[in-house]
């Protein structure tokens, strides 16, 4: 009997139109369609309110509706794919906000497998990845260690088009390897 597919929720830490990080997620969704037993779903976190405990336990709901929807998607997922830009050596505020909301009691990140991808200049967002991994320790996420995915978006040839779609075939191959590693790790955790 085949096991249930590995369901991955993908969150982009960039809300910019034409975001390269959202483009990485779109590429991951396309790549996952050719991987047996893997499903990747983008979950938009751009409209989440800022974490504010005054918003909890109002109108008969523990959390605001957008927060509840995010938390439910995470509960239903087997693993998380973070696309994290680097802001001042750290992750973006929108991504940290989503992490904080989903960590409110009960912490819905706990025990989930995770991976992080990033792109940008210089180190390609690598410092943000390491900071995200530190945050993940506290919220009990289990990040894969290898392969790492960082992409310098600004070295020729062009890695993305004007809409933020990933063009680079080498990067697509690396992204597929990361997805396969996340799938295998998730199945090991599931067992």
N, C-alpha and C. Protein backbone atom coordinates (compact mmCIF):
# COMPACT_ATOMS: atom_id res chain seq x y z
N UNK A 1 0.85 -1.19 0.00
CA UNK A 1 0.00 0.00 0.00
C UNK A 1 0.89 1.24 0.00
N UNK A 2 0.64 2.15 -0.90
CA UNK A 2 1.42 3.38 -1.00
C UNK A 2 1.11 4.30 0.17
N UNK A 3 2.14 5.00 0.64
CA UNK A 3 1.90 5.93 1.74
C UNK A 3 1.26 7.20 1.20
N UNK A 4 0.63 7.94 2.09
CA UNK A 4 -0.01 9.20 1.71
C UNK A 4 1.06 10.16 1.20
N UNK A 5 0.70 11.03 0.27
CA UNK A 5 1.69 11.97 -0.25
C UNK A 5 2.21 12.90 0.84
N UNK A 6 3.42 13.34 0.67
CA UNK A 6 4.00 14.34 1.57
C UNK A 6 3.46 15.69 1.14
N UNK A 7 2.78 16.36 2.06
CA UNK A 7 2.19 17.67 1.78
C UNK A 7 3.08 18.75 2.36
N UNK A 8 3.55 19.62 1.48
CA UNK A 8 4.44 20.71 1.89
C UNK A 8 3.71 22.04 1.73
N UNK A 9 3.71 22.83 2.79
CA UNK A 9 3.22 24.21 2.74
C UNK A 9 4.42 25.10 2.49
N UNK A 10 4.32 25.97 1.48
CA UNK A 10 5.42 26.87 1.11
C UNK A 10 5.04 28.31 1.45
N UNK A 11 5.92 28.98 2.17
CA UNK A 11 5.71 30.37 2.59
C UNK A 11 6.80 31.25 2.02
N UNK A 12 6.41 32.35 1.41
CA UNK A 12 7.37 33.31 0.88
C UNK A 12 7.50 34.49 1.83
N UNK A 13 8.74 34.79 2.19
CA UNK A 13 9.01 35.92 3.06
C UNK A 13 9.09 37.24 2.32
N UNK A 14 8.77 37.23 1.03
CA UNK A 14 8.79 38.45 0.23
C UNK A 14 7.41 38.67 -0.37
N UNK A 15 6.86 39.85 -0.17
CA UNK A 15 5.53 40.15 -0.70
C UNK A 15 5.59 41.10 -1.89
N UNK A 16 6.79 41.37 -2.37
CA UNK A 16 6.99 42.26 -3.52
C UNK A 16 6.41 41.63 -4.78
N UNK A 17 5.75 42.46 -5.61
CA UNK A 17 5.29 41.98 -6.91
C UNK A 17 6.54 41.58 -7.70
N UNK A 18 6.51 40.42 -8.32
CA UNK A 18 7.68 39.95 -9.04
C UNK A 18 8.75 39.38 -8.12
N UNK A 19 8.37 39.01 -6.91
CA UNK A 19 9.30 38.48 -5.91
C UNK A 19 10.02 37.24 -6.43
N UNK A 20 11.34 37.25 -6.30
CA UNK A 20 12.12 36.07 -6.67
C UNK A 20 11.83 34.91 -5.73
N UNK A 21 11.54 35.21 -4.47
CA UNK A 21 11.26 34.13 -3.51
C UNK A 21 9.93 33.44 -3.83
N UNK A 22 8.93 34.22 -4.19
CA UNK A 22 7.68 33.62 -4.64
C UNK A 22 7.91 32.86 -5.93
N UNK A 23 8.82 33.36 -6.79
CA UNK A 23 9.18 32.64 -8.01
C UNK A 23 9.83 31.29 -7.72
N UNK A 24 10.66 31.25 -6.67
CA UNK A 24 11.25 29.97 -6.27
C UNK A 24 10.15 28.98 -5.85
N UNK A 25 9.15 29.49 -5.15
CA UNK A 25 8.05 28.62 -4.73
C UNK A 25 7.25 28.14 -5.94
N UNK A 26 6.98 29.03 -6.89
CA UNK A 26 6.28 28.59 -8.10
C UNK A 26 7.08 27.50 -8.81
N UNK A 27 8.39 27.67 -8.87
CA UNK A 27 9.23 26.64 -9.48
C UNK A 27 9.15 25.34 -8.69
N UNK A 28 9.14 25.42 -7.38
CA UNK A 28 9.03 24.22 -6.55
C UNK A 28 7.71 23.50 -6.79
N UNK A 29 6.64 24.26 -6.97
CA UNK A 29 5.34 23.65 -7.26
C UNK A 29 5.39 22.93 -8.59
N UNK A 30 5.97 23.56 -9.61
CA UNK A 30 6.08 22.93 -10.93
C UNK A 30 6.95 21.67 -10.86
N UNK A 31 8.06 21.75 -10.17
CA UNK A 31 8.96 20.61 -10.05
C UNK A 31 8.29 19.47 -9.30
N UNK A 32 7.55 19.80 -8.24
CA UNK A 32 6.92 18.76 -7.42
C UNK A 32 5.86 17.99 -8.18
N UNK A 33 5.28 18.59 -9.20
CA UNK A 33 4.26 17.89 -9.99
C UNK A 33 4.83 16.65 -10.67
N UNK A 34 6.14 16.62 -10.88
CA UNK A 34 6.79 15.46 -11.51
C UNK A 34 7.41 14.51 -10.50
N UNK A 35 7.22 14.78 -9.20
CA UNK A 35 7.78 13.92 -8.15
C UNK A 35 6.63 13.14 -7.53
N UNK A 36 6.70 11.82 -7.65
CA UNK A 36 5.65 10.96 -7.11
C UNK A 36 5.56 11.13 -5.60
N UNK A 37 4.33 11.33 -5.10
CA UNK A 37 4.10 11.38 -3.67
C UNK A 37 4.47 12.70 -3.01
N UNK A 38 4.50 13.79 -3.79
CA UNK A 38 4.87 15.09 -3.23
C UNK A 38 3.91 16.15 -3.72
N UNK A 39 3.40 16.95 -2.79
CA UNK A 39 2.51 18.05 -3.12
C UNK A 39 3.03 19.31 -2.43
N UNK A 40 3.17 20.40 -3.18
CA UNK A 40 3.61 21.67 -2.62
C UNK A 40 2.50 22.68 -2.84
N UNK A 41 2.11 23.37 -1.78
CA UNK A 41 1.05 24.38 -1.84
C UNK A 41 1.58 25.70 -1.30
N UNK A 42 1.44 26.76 -2.08
CA UNK A 42 1.81 28.11 -1.65
C UNK A 42 0.71 28.64 -0.73
N UNK A 43 1.10 29.18 0.41
CA UNK A 43 0.17 29.83 1.33
C UNK A 43 0.62 31.27 1.49
N UNK A 44 -0.25 32.19 1.11
CA UNK A 44 0.04 33.62 1.14
C UNK A 44 -0.05 34.15 2.58
N UNK A 45 1.03 34.77 3.04
CA UNK A 45 1.05 35.31 4.41
C UNK A 45 1.07 36.83 4.41
N UNK A 46 0.89 37.45 3.25
CA UNK A 46 1.06 38.89 3.14
C UNK A 46 0.00 39.70 3.90
N UNK A 47 -1.19 39.16 4.08
CA UNK A 47 -2.26 39.92 4.72
C UNK A 47 -2.42 39.64 6.21
N UNK A 48 -1.55 38.80 6.77
CA UNK A 48 -1.66 38.51 8.21
C UNK A 48 -1.49 39.80 9.01
N UNK A 49 -2.32 39.99 10.06
CA UNK A 49 -2.09 41.15 10.92
C UNK A 49 -0.79 40.93 11.70
N UNK A 50 -0.18 42.03 12.15
CA UNK A 50 0.99 41.88 13.01
C UNK A 50 0.59 41.17 14.29
N UNK A 51 1.50 40.35 14.82
CA UNK A 51 1.24 39.65 16.06
C UNK A 51 0.87 40.68 17.14
N UNK A 52 -0.28 40.43 17.75
CA UNK A 52 -0.80 41.31 18.79
C UNK A 52 -1.75 40.47 19.63
N UNK A 53 -1.37 40.19 20.85
CA UNK A 53 -2.20 39.31 21.68
C UNK A 53 -3.57 39.91 21.99
N UNK A 54 -3.75 41.21 21.76
CA UNK A 54 -5.09 41.81 21.91
C UNK A 54 -6.06 41.26 20.86
N UNK A 55 -5.53 40.71 19.76
CA UNK A 55 -6.38 40.16 18.71
C UNK A 55 -6.82 38.72 18.99
N UNK A 56 -6.28 38.14 20.04
CA UNK A 56 -6.63 36.76 20.39
C UNK A 56 -7.92 36.72 21.20
N UNK A 57 -8.65 35.62 21.04
CA UNK A 57 -9.87 35.36 21.82
C UNK A 57 -10.92 36.45 21.66
N UNK A 58 -11.16 36.85 20.40
CA UNK A 58 -12.21 37.82 20.10
C UNK A 58 -13.26 37.20 19.21
N UNK A 59 -14.51 37.61 19.40
CA UNK A 59 -15.63 37.18 18.55
C UNK A 59 -15.75 35.66 18.46
N UNK A 60 -15.46 34.98 19.55
CA UNK A 60 -15.62 33.53 19.60
C UNK A 60 -14.50 32.74 18.94
N UNK A 61 -13.47 33.42 18.44
CA UNK A 61 -12.34 32.73 17.81
C UNK A 61 -11.09 32.96 18.63
N UNK A 62 -10.23 31.95 18.68
CA UNK A 62 -8.98 32.09 19.42
C UNK A 62 -8.06 33.08 18.71
N UNK A 63 -8.01 32.99 17.37
CA UNK A 63 -7.14 33.85 16.57
C UNK A 63 -7.95 34.49 15.44
N UNK A 64 -7.45 35.60 14.89
CA UNK A 64 -8.14 36.20 13.74
C UNK A 64 -8.27 35.19 12.60
N UNK A 65 -9.30 35.33 11.74
CA UNK A 65 -9.55 34.34 10.68
C UNK A 65 -8.35 34.04 9.78
N UNK A 66 -7.60 35.04 9.36
CA UNK A 66 -6.43 34.78 8.51
C UNK A 66 -5.37 33.97 9.25
N UNK A 67 -5.22 34.23 10.52
CA UNK A 67 -4.26 33.50 11.33
C UNK A 67 -4.73 32.05 11.51
N UNK A 68 -6.02 31.89 11.81
CA UNK A 68 -6.58 30.53 11.94
C UNK A 68 -6.39 29.74 10.65
N UNK A 69 -6.59 30.38 9.50
CA UNK A 69 -6.43 29.69 8.21
C UNK A 69 -4.98 29.24 8.02
N UNK A 70 -4.03 30.11 8.35
CA UNK A 70 -2.61 29.74 8.26
C UNK A 70 -2.31 28.58 9.18
N UNK A 71 -2.75 28.67 10.41
CA UNK A 71 -2.48 27.62 11.39
C UNK A 71 -3.06 26.28 10.92
N UNK A 72 -4.25 26.30 10.33
CA UNK A 72 -4.86 25.07 9.85
C UNK A 72 -4.05 24.47 8.70
N UNK A 73 -3.57 25.31 7.78
CA UNK A 73 -2.73 24.81 6.67
C UNK A 73 -1.47 24.14 7.21
N UNK A 74 -0.88 24.72 8.24
CA UNK A 74 0.33 24.14 8.83
C UNK A 74 0.01 22.83 9.52
N UNK A 75 -1.10 22.77 10.23
CA UNK A 75 -1.51 21.53 10.89
C UNK A 75 -1.66 20.41 9.87
N UNK A 76 -2.26 20.72 8.72
CA UNK A 76 -2.52 19.71 7.69
C UNK A 76 -1.27 19.32 6.91
N UNK A 77 -0.22 20.13 7.00
CA UNK A 77 1.01 19.87 6.24
C UNK A 77 1.90 18.87 6.97
N UNK A 78 2.71 18.17 6.16
CA UNK A 78 3.74 17.30 6.72
C UNK A 78 5.06 18.03 6.87
N UNK A 79 5.26 19.05 6.02
CA UNK A 79 6.54 19.75 6.01
C UNK A 79 6.33 21.19 5.54
N UNK A 80 7.33 22.00 5.80
CA UNK A 80 7.28 23.43 5.46
C UNK A 80 8.47 23.77 4.58
N UNK A 81 8.21 24.56 3.53
CA UNK A 81 9.26 25.11 2.69
C UNK A 81 9.22 26.63 2.85
N UNK A 82 10.28 27.17 3.43
CA UNK A 82 10.39 28.61 3.61
C UNK A 82 11.24 29.19 2.48
N UNK A 83 10.74 30.24 1.83
CA UNK A 83 11.53 31.00 0.87
C UNK A 83 11.83 32.32 1.58
N UNK A 84 13.07 32.46 2.04
CA UNK A 84 13.40 33.55 2.95
C UNK A 84 14.40 34.53 2.37
N UNK A 85 13.95 35.75 2.10
CA UNK A 85 14.93 36.78 1.73
C UNK A 85 15.73 37.19 2.96
N UNK A 86 16.81 37.89 2.71
CA UNK A 86 17.66 38.36 3.81
C UNK A 86 17.47 39.86 3.99
N UNK A 87 17.09 40.25 5.19
CA UNK A 87 16.94 41.65 5.56
C UNK A 87 17.87 41.89 6.75
N UNK A 88 18.93 42.66 6.54
CA UNK A 88 19.85 42.99 7.63
C UNK A 88 20.36 41.76 8.37
N UNK A 89 20.82 40.77 7.59
CA UNK A 89 21.37 39.50 8.10
C UNK A 89 20.31 38.61 8.75
N UNK A 90 19.04 38.89 8.54
CA UNK A 90 17.99 38.11 9.20
C UNK A 90 16.85 37.84 8.22
N UNK A 91 15.82 37.17 8.73
CA UNK A 91 14.65 36.90 7.91
C UNK A 91 13.75 38.12 7.85
N UNK A 92 12.83 38.11 6.91
CA UNK A 92 11.97 39.27 6.70
C UNK A 92 10.90 39.37 7.79
N UNK A 93 10.42 40.59 8.04
CA UNK A 93 9.37 40.77 9.06
C UNK A 93 8.10 39.98 8.76
N UNK A 94 7.70 39.90 7.49
CA UNK A 94 6.47 39.19 7.16
C UNK A 94 6.60 37.69 7.48
N UNK A 95 7.76 37.12 7.25
CA UNK A 95 7.98 35.71 7.55
C UNK A 95 8.05 35.48 9.06
N UNK A 96 8.76 36.34 9.75
CA UNK A 96 8.84 36.21 11.22
C UNK A 96 7.45 36.35 11.85
N UNK A 97 6.64 37.24 11.32
CA UNK A 97 5.28 37.43 11.82
C UNK A 97 4.46 36.14 11.69
N UNK A 98 4.56 35.48 10.53
CA UNK A 98 3.83 34.23 10.32
C UNK A 98 4.33 33.15 11.28
N UNK A 99 5.64 33.09 11.47
CA UNK A 99 6.20 32.11 12.40
C UNK A 99 5.69 32.37 13.81
N UNK A 100 5.68 33.62 14.21
CA UNK A 100 5.22 33.95 15.55
C UNK A 100 3.74 33.62 15.76
N UNK A 101 2.89 33.94 14.78
CA UNK A 101 1.48 33.62 14.93
C UNK A 101 1.27 32.10 15.05
N UNK A 102 1.95 31.33 14.24
CA UNK A 102 1.74 29.88 14.26
C UNK A 102 2.39 29.21 15.47
N UNK A 103 3.24 29.95 16.18
CA UNK A 103 3.85 29.39 17.39
C UNK A 103 3.02 29.67 18.64
N UNK A 104 2.01 30.52 18.51
CA UNK A 104 1.14 30.79 19.67
C UNK A 104 0.47 29.49 20.08
N UNK A 105 0.13 29.34 21.35
CA UNK A 105 -0.41 28.05 21.84
C UNK A 105 -1.69 27.63 21.11
N UNK A 106 -1.75 26.35 20.73
CA UNK A 106 -0.66 25.40 20.68
C UNK A 106 0.23 25.64 19.45
N UNK A 107 1.52 25.48 19.64
CA UNK A 107 2.51 25.69 18.59
C UNK A 107 2.30 24.66 17.48
N UNK A 108 1.85 25.12 16.30
CA UNK A 108 1.55 24.18 15.21
C UNK A 108 2.77 23.82 14.37
N UNK A 109 3.91 24.45 14.63
CA UNK A 109 5.15 24.08 13.92
C UNK A 109 5.77 22.80 14.49
N UNK A 110 5.50 22.50 15.73
CA UNK A 110 6.21 21.44 16.46
C UNK A 110 6.21 20.11 15.72
N UNK A 111 7.41 19.58 15.53
CA UNK A 111 7.58 18.26 14.94
C UNK A 111 7.57 18.23 13.43
N UNK A 112 7.38 19.37 12.77
CA UNK A 112 7.33 19.39 11.30
C UNK A 112 8.73 19.41 10.70
N UNK A 113 8.87 18.74 9.57
CA UNK A 113 10.10 18.83 8.78
C UNK A 113 10.07 20.16 8.04
N UNK A 114 11.27 20.70 7.74
CA UNK A 114 11.33 21.99 7.07
C UNK A 114 12.59 22.10 6.22
N UNK A 115 12.51 23.00 5.24
CA UNK A 115 13.66 23.36 4.42
C UNK A 115 13.55 24.84 4.12
N UNK A 116 14.68 25.44 3.81
CA UNK A 116 14.70 26.87 3.49
C UNK A 116 15.48 27.09 2.21
N UNK A 117 14.94 27.97 1.37
CA UNK A 117 15.58 28.38 0.13
C UNK A 117 15.65 29.89 0.12
N UNK A 118 16.68 30.41 -0.54
CA UNK A 118 16.77 31.87 -0.61
C UNK A 118 17.59 32.30 -1.81
N UNK A 119 17.38 33.55 -2.17
CA UNK A 119 18.11 34.15 -3.28
C UNK A 119 18.33 35.62 -2.97
N UNK A 120 19.27 36.20 -3.62
CA UNK A 120 19.58 37.61 -3.41
C UNK A 120 20.99 37.88 -3.88
N UNK A 121 21.56 38.96 -3.39
CA UNK A 121 22.94 39.30 -3.75
C UNK A 121 23.92 38.61 -2.84
N UNK A 122 25.19 38.77 -3.14
CA UNK A 122 26.25 38.26 -2.27
C UNK A 122 26.10 36.80 -1.93
N UNK A 123 25.80 36.55 -0.68
CA UNK A 123 25.69 35.19 -0.13
C UNK A 123 24.35 34.55 -0.46
N UNK A 124 23.49 35.23 -1.25
CA UNK A 124 22.23 34.64 -1.70
C UNK A 124 21.20 34.43 -0.61
N UNK A 125 21.29 35.17 0.48
CA UNK A 125 20.33 35.01 1.56
C UNK A 125 20.73 34.00 2.61
N UNK A 126 21.96 33.52 2.55
CA UNK A 126 22.41 32.47 3.46
C UNK A 126 22.37 32.85 4.93
N UNK A 127 22.67 34.10 5.25
CA UNK A 127 22.64 34.51 6.67
C UNK A 127 21.22 34.45 7.22
N UNK A 128 20.24 34.81 6.39
CA UNK A 128 18.85 34.71 6.82
C UNK A 128 18.47 33.25 7.08
N UNK A 129 19.01 32.35 6.26
CA UNK A 129 18.72 30.93 6.47
C UNK A 129 19.20 30.47 7.85
N UNK A 130 20.41 30.89 8.20
CA UNK A 130 20.94 30.46 9.49
C UNK A 130 20.13 31.04 10.64
N UNK A 131 19.68 32.27 10.50
CA UNK A 131 18.85 32.86 11.56
C UNK A 131 17.50 32.15 11.63
N UNK A 132 16.92 31.82 10.48
CA UNK A 132 15.66 31.09 10.47
C UNK A 132 15.81 29.73 11.14
N UNK A 133 16.94 29.08 10.91
CA UNK A 133 17.18 27.80 11.57
C UNK A 133 17.24 27.96 13.10
N UNK A 134 17.80 29.06 13.57
CA UNK A 134 17.83 29.33 15.02
C UNK A 134 16.41 29.48 15.55
N UNK A 135 15.58 30.23 14.85
CA UNK A 135 14.18 30.39 15.25
C UNK A 135 13.50 29.02 15.24
N UNK A 136 13.81 28.22 14.23
CA UNK A 136 13.22 26.89 14.12
C UNK A 136 13.53 25.99 15.30
N UNK A 137 14.69 26.15 15.90
CA UNK A 137 15.03 25.35 17.09
C UNK A 137 14.00 25.60 18.19
N UNK A 138 13.67 26.86 18.43
CA UNK A 138 12.74 27.18 19.52
C UNK A 138 11.32 26.70 19.23
N UNK A 139 10.88 26.79 17.96
CA UNK A 139 9.51 26.38 17.65
C UNK A 139 9.42 24.90 17.28
N UNK A 140 10.53 24.16 17.41
CA UNK A 140 10.58 22.71 17.25
C UNK A 140 10.37 22.26 15.81
N UNK A 141 10.90 23.04 14.85
CA UNK A 141 10.96 22.61 13.46
C UNK A 141 12.21 21.76 13.27
N UNK A 142 12.15 20.84 12.34
CA UNK A 142 13.29 19.97 12.05
C UNK A 142 13.76 20.22 10.62
N UNK A 143 14.76 21.09 10.47
CA UNK A 143 15.27 21.46 9.15
C UNK A 143 16.18 20.38 8.59
N UNK A 144 16.05 20.14 7.28
CA UNK A 144 17.05 19.31 6.62
C UNK A 144 18.35 20.11 6.60
N UNK A 145 19.46 19.41 6.63
CA UNK A 145 20.76 20.08 6.59
C UNK A 145 21.32 20.22 5.18
N UNK A 146 21.06 19.24 4.35
CA UNK A 146 21.59 19.23 2.99
C UNK A 146 20.51 18.77 2.03
N UNK A 147 20.49 19.22 0.82
CA UNK A 147 21.37 20.27 0.31
C UNK A 147 20.89 21.64 0.75
N UNK A 148 21.82 22.58 0.79
CA UNK A 148 21.44 23.96 1.03
C UNK A 148 21.11 24.59 -0.32
N UNK A 149 20.21 25.57 -0.32
CA UNK A 149 19.86 26.26 -1.56
C UNK A 149 19.98 27.76 -1.34
N UNK A 150 21.04 28.33 -1.88
CA UNK A 150 21.21 29.79 -1.93
C UNK A 150 21.58 30.13 -3.37
N UNK A 151 20.99 31.19 -3.87
CA UNK A 151 21.19 31.54 -5.28
C UNK A 151 21.48 33.04 -5.38
N UNK A 152 22.64 33.37 -5.95
CA UNK A 152 22.94 34.77 -6.20
C UNK A 152 22.14 35.18 -7.43
N UNK A 153 21.12 35.99 -7.21
CA UNK A 153 20.18 36.36 -8.26
C UNK A 153 20.75 37.35 -9.27
N UNK A 154 21.86 37.98 -8.94
CA UNK A 154 22.32 39.10 -9.74
C UNK A 154 23.57 38.82 -10.56
N UNK A 155 24.12 37.62 -10.46
CA UNK A 155 25.24 37.24 -11.32
C UNK A 155 24.71 36.78 -12.66
N UNK A 156 25.32 37.23 -13.77
CA UNK A 156 24.87 36.74 -15.07
C UNK A 156 25.16 35.25 -15.19
N UNK A 157 24.41 34.53 -15.97
CA UNK A 157 23.25 34.98 -16.74
C UNK A 157 22.04 35.20 -15.83
N UNK A 158 20.98 35.80 -16.39
CA UNK A 158 19.77 36.11 -15.61
C UNK A 158 19.20 34.84 -14.99
N UNK A 159 18.85 34.93 -13.73
CA UNK A 159 18.27 33.79 -13.02
C UNK A 159 16.74 33.83 -13.03
N UNK A 160 16.17 35.04 -13.16
CA UNK A 160 14.72 35.23 -13.10
C UNK A 160 14.30 36.17 -14.22
N UNK A 161 13.03 36.06 -14.64
CA UNK A 161 12.50 37.03 -15.58
C UNK A 161 11.86 38.19 -14.82
N UNK A 162 11.26 39.14 -15.52
CA UNK A 162 10.69 40.34 -14.89
C UNK A 162 9.53 40.01 -13.95
N UNK A 163 8.87 38.88 -14.15
CA UNK A 163 7.77 38.47 -13.28
C UNK A 163 8.23 37.69 -12.06
N UNK A 164 9.53 37.45 -11.97
CA UNK A 164 10.06 36.70 -10.84
C UNK A 164 10.08 35.20 -11.06
N UNK A 165 9.87 34.74 -12.27
CA UNK A 165 9.89 33.31 -12.57
C UNK A 165 11.33 32.83 -12.71
N UNK A 166 11.63 31.69 -12.12
CA UNK A 166 12.97 31.11 -12.17
C UNK A 166 13.28 30.61 -13.57
N UNK A 167 14.39 31.06 -14.14
CA UNK A 167 14.83 30.66 -15.47
C UNK A 167 15.98 29.67 -15.42
N UNK A 168 16.80 29.74 -14.41
CA UNK A 168 18.06 29.03 -14.33
C UNK A 168 17.85 27.52 -14.15
N UNK A 169 18.28 26.74 -15.15
CA UNK A 169 18.07 25.29 -15.11
C UNK A 169 18.90 24.62 -14.01
N UNK A 170 20.11 25.12 -13.77
CA UNK A 170 20.91 24.57 -12.68
C UNK A 170 20.24 24.77 -11.34
N UNK A 171 19.65 25.92 -11.14
CA UNK A 171 18.93 26.19 -9.88
C UNK A 171 17.71 25.29 -9.76
N UNK A 172 17.03 25.03 -10.88
CA UNK A 172 15.88 24.12 -10.84
C UNK A 172 16.31 22.71 -10.44
N UNK A 173 17.46 22.28 -10.93
CA UNK A 173 17.98 20.97 -10.54
C UNK A 173 18.29 20.94 -9.05
N UNK A 174 18.91 21.98 -8.54
CA UNK A 174 19.22 22.06 -7.10
C UNK A 174 17.93 22.09 -6.27
N UNK A 175 16.94 22.80 -6.76
CA UNK A 175 15.65 22.87 -6.06
C UNK A 175 14.99 21.50 -6.01
N UNK A 176 15.07 20.76 -7.11
CA UNK A 176 14.51 19.40 -7.12
C UNK A 176 15.22 18.52 -6.10
N UNK A 177 16.54 18.62 -6.02
CA UNK A 177 17.30 17.82 -5.05
C UNK A 177 16.88 18.17 -3.62
N UNK A 178 16.66 19.45 -3.36
CA UNK A 178 16.21 19.87 -2.02
C UNK A 178 14.83 19.29 -1.72
N UNK A 179 13.91 19.36 -2.69
CA UNK A 179 12.57 18.82 -2.47
C UNK A 179 12.60 17.31 -2.22
N UNK A 180 13.43 16.60 -2.95
CA UNK A 180 13.57 15.16 -2.73
C UNK A 180 14.13 14.86 -1.35
N UNK A 181 15.09 15.65 -0.92
CA UNK A 181 15.66 15.48 0.42
C UNK A 181 14.61 15.76 1.50
N UNK A 182 13.83 16.83 1.31
CA UNK A 182 12.77 17.16 2.28
C UNK A 182 11.72 16.06 2.31
N UNK A 183 11.36 15.53 1.15
CA UNK A 183 10.39 14.44 1.11
C UNK A 183 10.92 13.21 1.86
N UNK A 184 12.16 12.83 1.60
CA UNK A 184 12.74 11.65 2.25
C UNK A 184 12.82 11.85 3.76
N UNK A 185 13.25 13.02 4.19
CA UNK A 185 13.37 13.32 5.63
C UNK A 185 12.00 13.30 6.29
N UNK A 186 11.00 13.86 5.62
CA UNK A 186 9.63 13.87 6.15
C UNK A 186 9.11 12.44 6.32
N UNK A 187 9.38 11.59 5.35
CA UNK A 187 8.94 10.19 5.45
C UNK A 187 9.64 9.49 6.61
N UNK A 188 10.92 9.81 6.84
CA UNK A 188 11.62 9.22 7.99
C UNK A 188 10.99 9.70 9.30
N UNK A 189 10.64 10.98 9.39
CA UNK A 189 9.98 11.49 10.59
C UNK A 189 8.61 10.84 10.77
N UNK A 190 7.91 10.64 9.67
CA UNK A 190 6.57 10.05 9.71
C UNK A 190 6.63 8.62 10.26
N UNK A 191 7.71 7.90 9.93
CA UNK A 191 7.86 6.51 10.37
C UNK A 191 8.18 6.47 11.86
